[in-house]
Every structure is written in C-alpha cells, then in structure tokens.
Amino acid sequence: MKQIKGMQLGAVLAAMLLLSMAFVPAASAKNDLDIVENNYVAIEKAREHATITLSEFVAAGSPGLKNTDWNGATINPDPLIIHDINGKKLFYQFSVEKEGKSVGSIKTSASKVLGESIRTIGLKPLILDSDVALQMAKKNAKENYKNSEITSTTLVSYSYPKIGIMVQLRDLNTNKEQRMFVDAYDYSTVPEKNPENNEPGVWSLYDNMPDDEKVKRISAWEENDKKFREIVEKKSSNGIESSKTLVTTQSSNVLDISLFAQEQWNYCAPAVGQMVADYFGVSHTQNYIAGRMGTTSTGTNTIGMLNYYRNDLGYSNSNEYSIVWQDMVDMIDAGIPFAIIDYSANHVMTGAGYSIWLYNDIYILDPYPVNQGDTYWETTDYMFFFRNNIYIQ
C-alpha cells in the first residue's frame, strides 16, 4: 500500500482539480462536450442493461441487501435523468420496484465516456422527490434573486455523488445569466465554486475527466455492452430461466456494519467514524466524534480523522493511502472497514465490502443525504481519481 503523509495528497488533488477547472481551453472543452454528446446511451439500451443487472444481482443472492427481498422486482422503465453541471446528461437512475413501491435503484451511465455501463446498485428505496426539490429550488431562487427570472431548472450531480437542482436565471436589469445550486435533499444553497478547504461547492465530472481516458472508457463501455448481449443470447438460446445467473461472481465479501446517516451537512466524517466505532463495539455520538476529529463548520480534515482512529479507537497504525483495488479487498477480507475520502466532493464514505462481477464493485455506506444516508454498490473501475482511503489498523 502506498502511504500518504498527512494532507499532502489531498492538497495536491484539490489543486489539480482547481487547475483543471480553471485552465481548460475553450476549444478543448467544446471537443470534450462533443465526445460526451456523440456517445450518449439511448434510454432503451440503458434500461436493458439495468434490467439484466437486476436479474443477475437477484440470482447471485442480492449481496449486501438487508431486511428486504428483491425477488420479483422490476425496473421502472422511466428513469430520472441526472445531468452534469455543464448541462450534459450524466446518469439515468432507474427505480427498482416491487408491488408498486420503490425498493432500490440502478444508476446507469448516460454517455459511454464514463466507461462503465452500471454506476451504482442502490439498496435503499429511491427517496428523492425531484418534484419537491424542484419547487424548493425555485422558491430559493426567487427569494435570493428578486430581480431575476428563472430560465431553466435541471436535476444535476453537482458534486458527485451529491444530487441537486441547477437553476439558471436572467437578471431583468442587466440581462446577465447566472446560476444557483440547491441540494435536492436538504434544499440548502450550494455555492458555485470549486469545493476546497472542506467547504461545499460544485464541479463537473465530465470536465474533470482525464483527456487520455475518454477513448479507453468508450471502448470499455462497448465491451460491457457486448457482455450484456452475450448474457441475453445465452439465456435465450439455452432456455435458461431469468432467475439463473450467467455471470458467476468471482469473489465477494460484505461486512456486517450498520449505516449511520450524518446528522449535519458537515458531519460525513463523524458519521463514518460512528459506523467504524459501532462495528468495533464502541458507542460514540457524532457530536463526540466531531469534537475529537476537530470538525468545523466546513467539515473535517484527514489529520482529525486519523487522530480519532488512532487515539480514540486505538488503531495506531491507521493512515491515508492511495487507492489500490487489491488493498481494499485485503482489508475487507481481514474484517476491517475503511473510510473513503472523495477530495473532489469533500465527502467521506464507508467501504464495507467488495464484489467482482462484470466490474470491480465496492459496497458503500454513504452518510449522505443528511439524516437519511444511503447504501449502494459502486463500480470503482473509473472512480479512483481524486479519492484516497483511510485504512483503520
């Protein structure tokens, strides 16, 4: 494992992210957007992939699913369309439903340039009410921009994995165009700036994707599509029941760890600390952990997190490392969860399992949204950028 000292890599990553957003030439940005649009995935194709994924997931025993049964569940054919803040389609989020109620979700890529076809398998009922979020965003916009008119509203991933509403406005006096962002769950206003120094902000997943990755990711998506077609063809030609899985999971392991939602918008790190502490049989409140981590109104830094894991939980060798797939597998197999630090979003989540199927997937307990939290499998093949892990040991 490659150890990272203190906050050095976090600062470097934040700087890289800021530079990449500030110095992308206009022509280059336009070409990148053309690549995104020219490789959009049709909703019908995305729905097909989501349906196959649901069938295979259930047939494999629904790993990580607790207190519910997805046997007989189906995909709602009409997805939520989530955009990037640059306005381009980013994800299709399909509701997994049983007896007319949402029991989970499957999020697919809306463009091949993301690489993987399936981004997440959400194991909790889809709780996002986009209509209510839209109305609250409009209300906030009217209160904050009294001399402006709303020209459009868009559901966006404003700082992956966070979801919100992007409101575009026009000043009635100057005709100046402006935007505001509102979180889709707690309806708080998110400043339109790069997230840094533990402060919230917005960033474009597409605009920050490394240029040399785009062609490779398109090829990877097409390879995924080929595998999905093979599944359908084999089942059809061999008369295999849909309840039987064709993609044998090579290996998987899920730790029995409880989800704790963050109690305040800046409490993602204390919530992860609470999950880890509870797993090891220690009962601490998020307020206590926040105090020990030195959490401020803008969040928690890595040094504070390490202080808690080393001194309060007694894991003196805990440290920050760059992400390597095999390291995560080894930690889970050793029975140890880990903290996933996403520097691009200034967000922390718990890694609690892995599965090798069509992709390398990590089982994530996400303390966001506030007072709700989320649990999902995330394809990690292309999500190592701007992320590190804290291994508790």
Protein backbone atom coordinates (compact mmCIF):
# COMPACT_ATOMS: atom_id res chain seq x y z
CA MET A 1 0.00 0.00 0.00
CA LYS A 2 1.25 3.46 -0.86
CA GLN A 3 1.08 5.63 2.24
CA ILE A 4 0.16 9.30 2.02
CA LYS A 5 1.54 11.63 4.66
CA GLY A 6 -0.97 13.94 6.32
CA MET A 7 -2.94 16.16 3.98
CA GLN A 8 -0.27 16.41 1.29
CA LEU A 9 -2.05 14.42 -1.41
CA GLY A 10 -5.39 15.95 -0.50
CA ALA A 11 -3.95 19.40 -1.09
CA VAL A 12 -2.34 18.29 -4.34
CA LEU A 13 -5.56 16.72 -5.59
CA ALA A 14 -7.58 19.78 -4.69
CA ALA A 15 -5.07 21.98 -6.50
CA MET A 16 -5.12 19.71 -9.55
CA LEU A 17 -8.90 19.79 -9.61
CA LEU A 18 -8.94 23.57 -9.33
CA LEU A 19 -6.36 23.95 -12.08
CA SER A 20 -8.17 21.55 -14.38
CA MET A 21 -11.35 23.57 -14.00
CA ALA A 22 -9.64 26.92 -14.39
CA PHE A 23 -7.37 26.25 -17.36
CA VAL A 24 -9.34 24.03 -19.76
CA PRO A 25 -9.10 25.80 -23.14
CA ALA A 26 -12.46 26.69 -24.68
CA ALA A 27 -11.82 24.64 -27.83
CA SER A 28 -10.76 21.63 -25.78
CA ALA A 29 -13.82 21.90 -23.55
CA LYS A 30 -16.08 22.07 -26.60
CA ASN A 31 -14.47 18.97 -28.10
CA ASP A 32 -14.90 17.14 -24.81
CA LEU A 33 -18.59 18.01 -24.77
CA ASP A 34 -18.95 16.81 -28.36
CA ILE A 35 -17.43 13.49 -27.33
CA VAL A 36 -19.94 13.22 -24.50
CA GLU A 37 -22.94 14.01 -26.69
CA ASN A 38 -21.81 11.87 -29.60
CA ASN A 39 -21.59 8.90 -27.27
CA TYR A 40 -24.89 9.26 -25.45
CA VAL A 41 -26.51 5.97 -24.47
CA ALA A 42 -30.12 5.54 -25.57
CA ILE A 43 -32.55 5.14 -22.66
CA GLU A 44 -33.73 1.86 -24.18
CA LYS A 45 -30.19 0.47 -24.09
CA ALA A 46 -29.62 1.74 -20.54
CA ARG A 47 -32.92 0.16 -19.46
CA GLU A 48 -31.82 -3.16 -20.99
CA HIS A 49 -28.57 -3.07 -19.02
CA ALA A 50 -30.39 -2.15 -15.81
CA THR A 51 -32.87 -5.00 -16.28
CA ILE A 52 -30.12 -7.56 -16.85
CA THR A 53 -28.19 -6.22 -13.86
CA LEU A 54 -31.25 -6.57 -11.63
CA SER A 55 -31.80 -10.16 -12.79
CA GLU A 56 -28.16 -11.13 -12.25
CA PHE A 57 -27.97 -9.35 -8.89
CA VAL A 58 -31.03 -11.17 -7.54
CA ALA A 59 -29.87 -14.51 -8.95
CA ALA A 60 -26.50 -14.02 -7.23
CA GLY A 61 -28.23 -13.70 -3.86
CA SER A 62 -28.56 -9.89 -3.67
CA PRO A 63 -25.30 -9.36 -1.73
CA GLY A 64 -25.49 -6.62 0.88
CA LEU A 65 -29.27 -6.39 0.79
CA LYS A 66 -30.80 -6.35 4.28
CA ASN A 67 -34.36 -6.78 5.55
CA THR A 68 -35.94 -6.88 2.12
CA ASP A 69 -36.37 -9.21 -0.84
CA TRP A 70 -35.92 -8.21 -4.46
CA ASN A 71 -37.28 -11.45 -5.92
CA GLY A 72 -40.00 -10.44 -8.36
CA ALA A 73 -38.82 -6.81 -8.50
CA THR A 74 -38.81 -4.98 -11.83
CA ILE A 75 -37.26 -1.89 -13.39
CA ASN A 76 -39.45 1.19 -13.76
CA PRO A 77 -38.99 2.00 -17.47
CA ASP A 78 -38.89 5.77 -16.95
CA PRO A 79 -35.65 6.89 -15.28
CA LEU A 80 -34.70 10.11 -13.60
CA ILE A 81 -32.24 11.85 -15.91
CA ILE A 82 -29.39 13.38 -13.93
CA HIS A 83 -27.20 15.94 -15.68
CA ASP A 84 -23.67 17.18 -15.21
CA ILE A 85 -23.40 20.84 -14.18
CA ASN A 86 -22.19 21.55 -17.73
CA GLY A 87 -25.71 20.64 -18.89
CA LYS A 88 -24.94 17.27 -20.46
CA LYS A 89 -26.75 14.07 -19.49
CA LEU A 90 -24.73 12.16 -16.90
CA PHE A 91 -26.80 9.30 -15.43
CA TYR A 92 -30.11 7.51 -15.85
CA GLN A 93 -31.44 6.44 -12.46
CA PHE A 94 -33.97 3.61 -12.71
CA SER A 95 -36.19 2.77 -9.76
CA VAL A 96 -36.25 -0.90 -8.74
CA GLU A 97 -39.86 -1.60 -7.78
CA LYS A 98 -41.86 -4.35 -6.15
CA GLU A 99 -45.62 -4.34 -5.64
CA GLY A 100 -45.75 -0.76 -6.87
CA LYS A 101 -43.17 0.59 -4.40
CA SER A 102 -39.53 1.53 -4.82
CA VAL A 103 -37.15 -0.87 -3.10
CA GLY A 104 -33.91 0.36 -4.65
CA SER A 105 -32.37 1.85 -7.77
CA ILE A 106 -29.89 1.19 -10.55
CA LYS A 107 -27.91 4.11 -11.92
CA THR A 108 -26.52 3.76 -15.43
CA SER A 109 -24.16 5.94 -17.44
CA ALA A 110 -25.84 8.31 -19.89
CA SER A 111 -22.68 8.56 -22.00
CA LYS A 112 -20.15 5.91 -22.97
CA VAL A 113 -17.28 8.20 -21.93
CA LEU A 114 -17.95 7.27 -18.29
CA GLY A 115 -16.62 3.80 -19.04
CA GLU A 116 -18.87 1.55 -17.02
CA SER A 117 -22.46 0.91 -18.05
CA ILE A 118 -23.70 0.48 -14.47
CA ARG A 119 -22.54 3.09 -11.94
CA THR A 120 -24.42 2.03 -8.80
CA ILE A 121 -26.91 -0.51 -7.48
CA GLY A 122 -28.78 1.35 -4.74
CA LEU A 123 -30.07 -0.91 -1.97
CA LYS A 124 -32.43 1.58 -0.32
CA PRO A 125 -35.79 2.75 -1.69
CA LEU A 126 -35.47 5.71 -4.03
CA ILE A 127 -36.29 8.60 -1.69
CA LEU A 128 -35.51 11.55 -3.95
CA ASP A 129 -38.67 13.54 -4.71
CA SER A 130 -37.44 15.54 -7.67
CA ASP A 131 -40.70 17.49 -7.97
CA VAL A 132 -40.49 18.76 -4.38
CA ALA A 133 -36.79 19.53 -4.82
CA LEU A 134 -37.60 21.47 -7.97
CA GLN A 135 -40.23 23.58 -6.21
CA MET A 136 -37.92 24.29 -3.27
CA ALA A 137 -35.11 25.29 -5.64
CA LYS A 138 -37.43 27.72 -7.44
CA LYS A 139 -38.53 29.15 -4.09
CA ASN A 140 -34.91 29.67 -3.01
CA ALA A 141 -34.07 31.27 -6.34
CA LYS A 142 -36.95 33.73 -6.16
CA GLU A 143 -36.01 34.70 -2.61
CA ASN A 144 -32.33 35.22 -3.42
CA TYR A 145 -32.64 36.74 -6.90
CA LYS A 146 -35.67 39.02 -6.69
CA ASN A 147 -34.84 40.93 -9.89
CA SER A 148 -34.24 37.82 -11.98
CA GLU A 149 -36.39 35.38 -13.90
CA ILE A 150 -35.86 31.62 -13.94
CA THR A 151 -34.99 30.41 -17.43
CA SER A 152 -34.47 26.70 -16.68
CA THR A 153 -34.13 24.10 -13.91
CA THR A 154 -32.13 20.89 -14.19
CA LEU A 155 -31.56 17.87 -11.95
CA VAL A 156 -27.77 17.59 -11.63
CA SER A 157 -24.99 15.76 -9.87
CA TYR A 158 -23.40 18.97 -8.60
CA SER A 159 -20.58 17.28 -6.68
CA TYR A 160 -20.67 13.52 -7.25
CA PRO A 161 -22.30 11.63 -5.57
CA LYS A 162 -24.42 14.56 -4.37
CA ILE A 163 -27.62 15.48 -6.23
CA GLY A 164 -29.25 18.88 -6.58
CA ILE A 165 -31.17 21.29 -8.75
CA MET A 166 -29.33 23.74 -11.01
CA VAL A 167 -31.40 26.89 -11.50
CA GLN A 168 -30.45 29.19 -14.36
CA LEU A 169 -31.61 32.79 -14.13
CA ARG A 170 -31.50 36.02 -16.12
CA ASP A 171 -31.18 39.40 -14.42
CA LEU A 172 -34.08 41.58 -15.59
CA ASN A 173 -32.00 44.75 -15.38
CA THR A 174 -28.71 43.65 -16.91
CA ASN A 175 -29.72 40.51 -18.87
CA LYS A 176 -26.79 38.79 -17.15
CA GLU A 177 -27.09 35.00 -16.95
CA GLN A 178 -26.37 33.35 -13.61
CA ARG A 179 -26.82 30.01 -11.87
CA MET A 180 -27.57 28.76 -8.39
CA PHE A 181 -27.46 25.23 -6.99
CA VAL A 182 -29.75 23.72 -4.36
CA ASP A 183 -29.22 20.34 -2.72
CA ALA A 184 -32.07 18.00 -3.66
CA TYR A 185 -32.47 16.56 -0.16
CA ASP A 186 -31.99 19.32 2.41
CA TYR A 187 -32.67 22.22 -0.02
CA SER A 188 -29.59 24.13 1.12
CA THR A 189 -27.95 26.52 -1.33
CA VAL A 190 -24.59 25.29 -2.62
CA PRO A 191 -22.05 27.98 -3.59
CA GLU A 192 -20.97 27.96 -7.22
CA LYS A 193 -17.28 27.47 -6.60
CA ASN A 194 -14.80 24.65 -6.58
CA PRO A 195 -15.15 22.53 -3.40
CA GLU A 196 -11.95 23.04 -1.42
CA ASN A 197 -10.69 23.51 2.14
CA ASN A 198 -13.53 21.25 3.32
CA GLU A 199 -16.09 23.74 2.02
CA PRO A 200 -19.01 22.74 -0.23
CA GLY A 201 -19.06 23.60 -3.90
CA VAL A 202 -19.78 22.26 -7.38
CA TRP A 203 -17.69 20.53 -10.00
CA SER A 204 -18.19 18.87 -13.37
CA LEU A 205 -17.46 15.16 -13.64
CA TYR A 206 -17.15 15.40 -17.42
CA ASP A 207 -14.90 18.47 -17.46
CA ASN A 208 -12.51 16.91 -14.95
CA MET A 209 -12.21 13.56 -16.67
CA PRO A 210 -8.64 13.00 -17.89
CA ASP A 211 -8.49 13.50 -21.66
CA ASP A 212 -6.46 10.37 -22.30
CA GLU A 213 -9.14 8.27 -20.60
CA LYS A 214 -12.04 9.14 -22.88
CA VAL A 215 -11.38 6.80 -25.80
CA LYS A 216 -10.41 3.99 -23.45
CA ARG A 217 -13.61 4.43 -21.48
CA ILE A 218 -15.76 4.37 -24.61
CA SER A 219 -14.14 1.07 -25.56
CA ALA A 220 -14.75 -0.25 -22.03
CA TRP A 221 -18.45 0.66 -22.23
CA GLU A 222 -18.77 -1.11 -25.58
CA GLU A 223 -17.10 -4.19 -24.09
CA ASN A 224 -19.63 -4.10 -21.25
CA ASP A 225 -22.45 -3.87 -23.77
CA LYS A 226 -21.06 -6.90 -25.60
CA LYS A 227 -21.08 -8.91 -22.36
CA PHE A 228 -24.67 -7.89 -21.64
CA ARG A 229 -25.71 -9.00 -25.14
CA GLU A 230 -23.98 -12.34 -24.60
CA ILE A 231 -25.97 -12.87 -21.39
CA VAL A 232 -29.25 -12.30 -23.22
CA GLU A 233 -28.27 -14.51 -26.15
CA LYS A 234 -27.08 -17.39 -23.96
CA LYS A 235 -30.20 -17.37 -21.84
CA SER A 236 -32.41 -17.21 -24.91
CA SER A 237 -30.61 -19.90 -26.92
CA ASN A 238 -30.25 -22.30 -23.99
CA GLY A 239 -33.66 -21.79 -22.45
CA ILE A 240 -32.10 -20.64 -19.17
CA GLU A 241 -34.52 -19.18 -16.64
CA SER A 242 -34.13 -15.47 -15.92
CA SER A 243 -33.69 -16.38 -12.24
CA LYS A 244 -30.43 -18.17 -13.03
CA THR A 245 -27.24 -16.12 -13.12
CA LEU A 246 -24.80 -16.44 -16.01
CA VAL A 247 -22.12 -14.11 -14.71
CA THR A 248 -20.57 -16.05 -11.86
CA THR A 249 -19.29 -13.74 -9.16
CA GLN A 250 -15.58 -14.50 -8.89
CA SER A 251 -15.42 -13.44 -5.26
CA SER A 252 -17.25 -11.20 -2.82
CA ASN A 253 -17.34 -10.29 0.85
CA VAL A 254 -19.62 -7.93 2.78
CA LEU A 255 -19.01 -6.84 6.36
CA ASP A 256 -21.95 -6.65 8.77
CA ILE A 257 -21.77 -2.94 9.50
CA SER A 258 -24.64 -0.57 10.30
CA LEU A 259 -25.38 2.62 8.38
CA PHE A 260 -25.39 5.88 10.33
CA ALA A 261 -26.58 8.94 8.42
CA GLN A 262 -24.77 12.21 9.01
CA GLU A 263 -26.72 14.40 11.42
CA GLN A 264 -25.48 17.68 9.96
CA TRP A 265 -24.33 18.64 6.48
CA ASN A 266 -20.68 18.83 7.64
CA TYR A 267 -20.77 15.57 9.65
CA CYS A 268 -19.93 12.99 6.96
CA ALA A 269 -16.56 12.15 8.58
CA PRO A 270 -18.01 11.85 12.13
CA ALA A 271 -20.79 9.64 10.73
CA VAL A 272 -18.22 7.35 9.11
CA GLY A 273 -16.32 7.33 12.40
CA GLN A 274 -19.54 6.32 14.16
CA MET A 275 -20.05 3.43 11.73
CA VAL A 276 -16.49 2.19 12.24
CA ALA A 277 -16.68 2.59 16.04
CA ASP A 278 -20.00 0.75 16.22
CA TYR A 279 -18.59 -2.08 14.10
CA PHE A 280 -15.74 -2.47 16.61
CA GLY A 281 -18.16 -2.38 19.56
CA VAL A 282 -17.61 1.23 20.64
CA SER A 283 -20.55 3.61 21.15
CA HIS A 284 -19.76 7.25 20.35
CA THR A 285 -22.12 10.03 19.31
CA GLN A 286 -21.40 12.05 16.19
CA ASN A 287 -21.02 15.17 18.33
CA TYR A 288 -18.34 13.45 20.41
CA ILE A 289 -16.53 12.19 17.31
CA ALA A 290 -16.76 15.62 15.67
CA GLY A 291 -15.08 17.11 18.73
CA ARG A 292 -12.30 14.53 18.67
CA MET A 293 -11.82 14.95 14.91
CA GLY A 294 -11.78 18.74 15.17
CA THR A 295 -14.72 19.07 12.80
CA THR A 296 -15.52 22.69 11.97
CA SER A 297 -18.44 24.38 10.26
CA THR A 298 -16.85 23.45 6.93
CA GLY A 299 -16.01 19.80 7.66
CA THR A 300 -13.14 17.59 8.82
CA ASN A 301 -9.56 17.23 7.62
CA THR A 302 -7.61 14.00 7.32
CA ILE A 303 -5.42 14.70 10.35
CA GLY A 304 -8.52 14.99 12.52
CA MET A 305 -9.92 11.71 11.24
CA LEU A 306 -6.64 9.93 11.88
CA ASN A 307 -6.49 11.39 15.39
CA TYR A 308 -9.82 9.74 16.21
CA TYR A 309 -8.99 6.34 14.73
CA ARG A 310 -5.54 6.24 16.30
CA ASN A 311 -6.23 7.70 19.73
CA ASP A 312 -9.90 7.03 20.49
CA LEU A 313 -10.31 3.65 18.82
CA GLY A 314 -6.71 2.58 19.46
CA TYR A 315 -5.76 1.74 15.86
CA SER A 316 -2.38 3.47 15.98
CA ASN A 317 -1.26 2.36 12.51
CA SER A 318 -4.23 3.93 10.74
CA ASN A 319 -3.16 6.07 7.82
CA GLU A 320 -4.17 7.52 4.46
CA TYR A 321 -3.33 5.59 1.31
CA SER A 322 -3.83 5.97 -2.41
CA ILE A 323 -6.49 3.60 -3.71
CA VAL A 324 -5.45 0.17 -4.97
CA TRP A 325 -8.16 -2.41 -5.64
CA GLN A 326 -6.32 -5.33 -4.04
CA ASP A 327 -5.66 -3.31 -0.88
CA MET A 328 -9.40 -2.78 -0.45
CA VAL A 329 -10.06 -6.49 -0.99
CA ASP A 330 -7.39 -7.39 1.57
CA MET A 331 -8.83 -5.03 4.19
CA ILE A 332 -12.36 -6.39 3.79
CA ASP A 333 -11.12 -9.98 3.88
CA ALA A 334 -9.32 -9.08 7.13
CA GLY A 335 -12.67 -7.89 8.52
CA ILE A 336 -11.76 -4.20 8.53
CA PRO A 337 -13.91 -1.42 7.01
CA PHE A 338 -12.26 1.74 5.71
CA ALA A 339 -13.02 5.41 5.14
CA ILE A 340 -13.22 6.58 1.52
CA ILE A 341 -12.22 10.23 1.14
CA ASP A 342 -13.50 11.91 -2.01
CA TYR A 343 -11.48 15.12 -2.34
CA SER A 344 -13.44 16.28 -5.37
CA ALA A 345 -16.65 16.43 -3.31
CA ASN A 346 -15.12 16.98 0.15
CA HIS A 347 -17.05 13.92 1.25
CA VAL A 348 -16.31 10.77 3.28
CA MET A 349 -18.00 7.35 2.99
CA THR A 350 -17.51 3.88 4.47
CA GLY A 351 -16.17 1.00 2.38
CA ALA A 352 -17.63 -2.24 3.77
CA GLY A 353 -17.47 -4.90 1.06
CA TYR A 354 -16.37 -5.87 -2.43
CA SER A 355 -17.68 -7.93 -5.31
CA ILE A 356 -16.02 -8.96 -8.57
CA TRP A 357 -18.67 -9.48 -11.25
CA LEU A 358 -18.67 -7.70 -14.60
CA TYR A 359 -16.93 -4.93 -12.68
CA ASN A 360 -14.96 -4.39 -9.50
CA ASP A 361 -17.61 -3.12 -7.09
CA ILE A 362 -17.27 -1.65 -3.60
CA TYR A 363 -20.10 -1.85 -1.06
CA ILE A 364 -20.53 1.70 0.23
CA LEU A 365 -22.34 3.02 3.28
CA ASP A 366 -22.81 6.69 2.45
CA PRO A 367 -23.82 9.03 5.32
CA TYR A 368 -25.35 11.43 2.75
CA PRO A 369 -28.17 12.56 2.49
CA VAL A 370 -28.39 14.24 5.91
CA ASN A 371 -30.48 12.20 8.37
CA GLN A 372 -31.11 9.56 5.69
CA GLY A 373 -27.89 8.03 4.39
CA ASP A 374 -27.61 5.58 1.52
CA THR A 375 -26.26 2.10 0.80
CA TYR A 376 -25.11 1.01 -2.63
CA TRP A 377 -22.69 -0.97 -4.73
CA GLU A 378 -20.48 1.34 -6.79
CA THR A 379 -18.41 0.35 -9.78
CA THR A 380 -14.90 1.51 -8.93
CA ASP A 381 -13.03 0.82 -12.16
CA TYR A 382 -13.04 4.52 -13.06
CA MET A 383 -13.68 6.19 -9.70
CA PHE A 384 -10.17 6.26 -8.22
CA PHE A 385 -9.49 9.81 -9.39
CA PHE A 386 -9.45 12.36 -6.53
CA ARG A 387 -10.03 9.62 -3.92
CA ASN A 388 -7.94 8.11 -1.12
CA ASN A 389 -8.71 5.65 1.66
CA ILE A 390 -8.02 5.64 5.38
CA TYR A 391 -7.29 2.09 6.49
CA ILE A 392 -8.05 1.51 10.16
CA GLN A 393 -5.35 -0.78 11.53
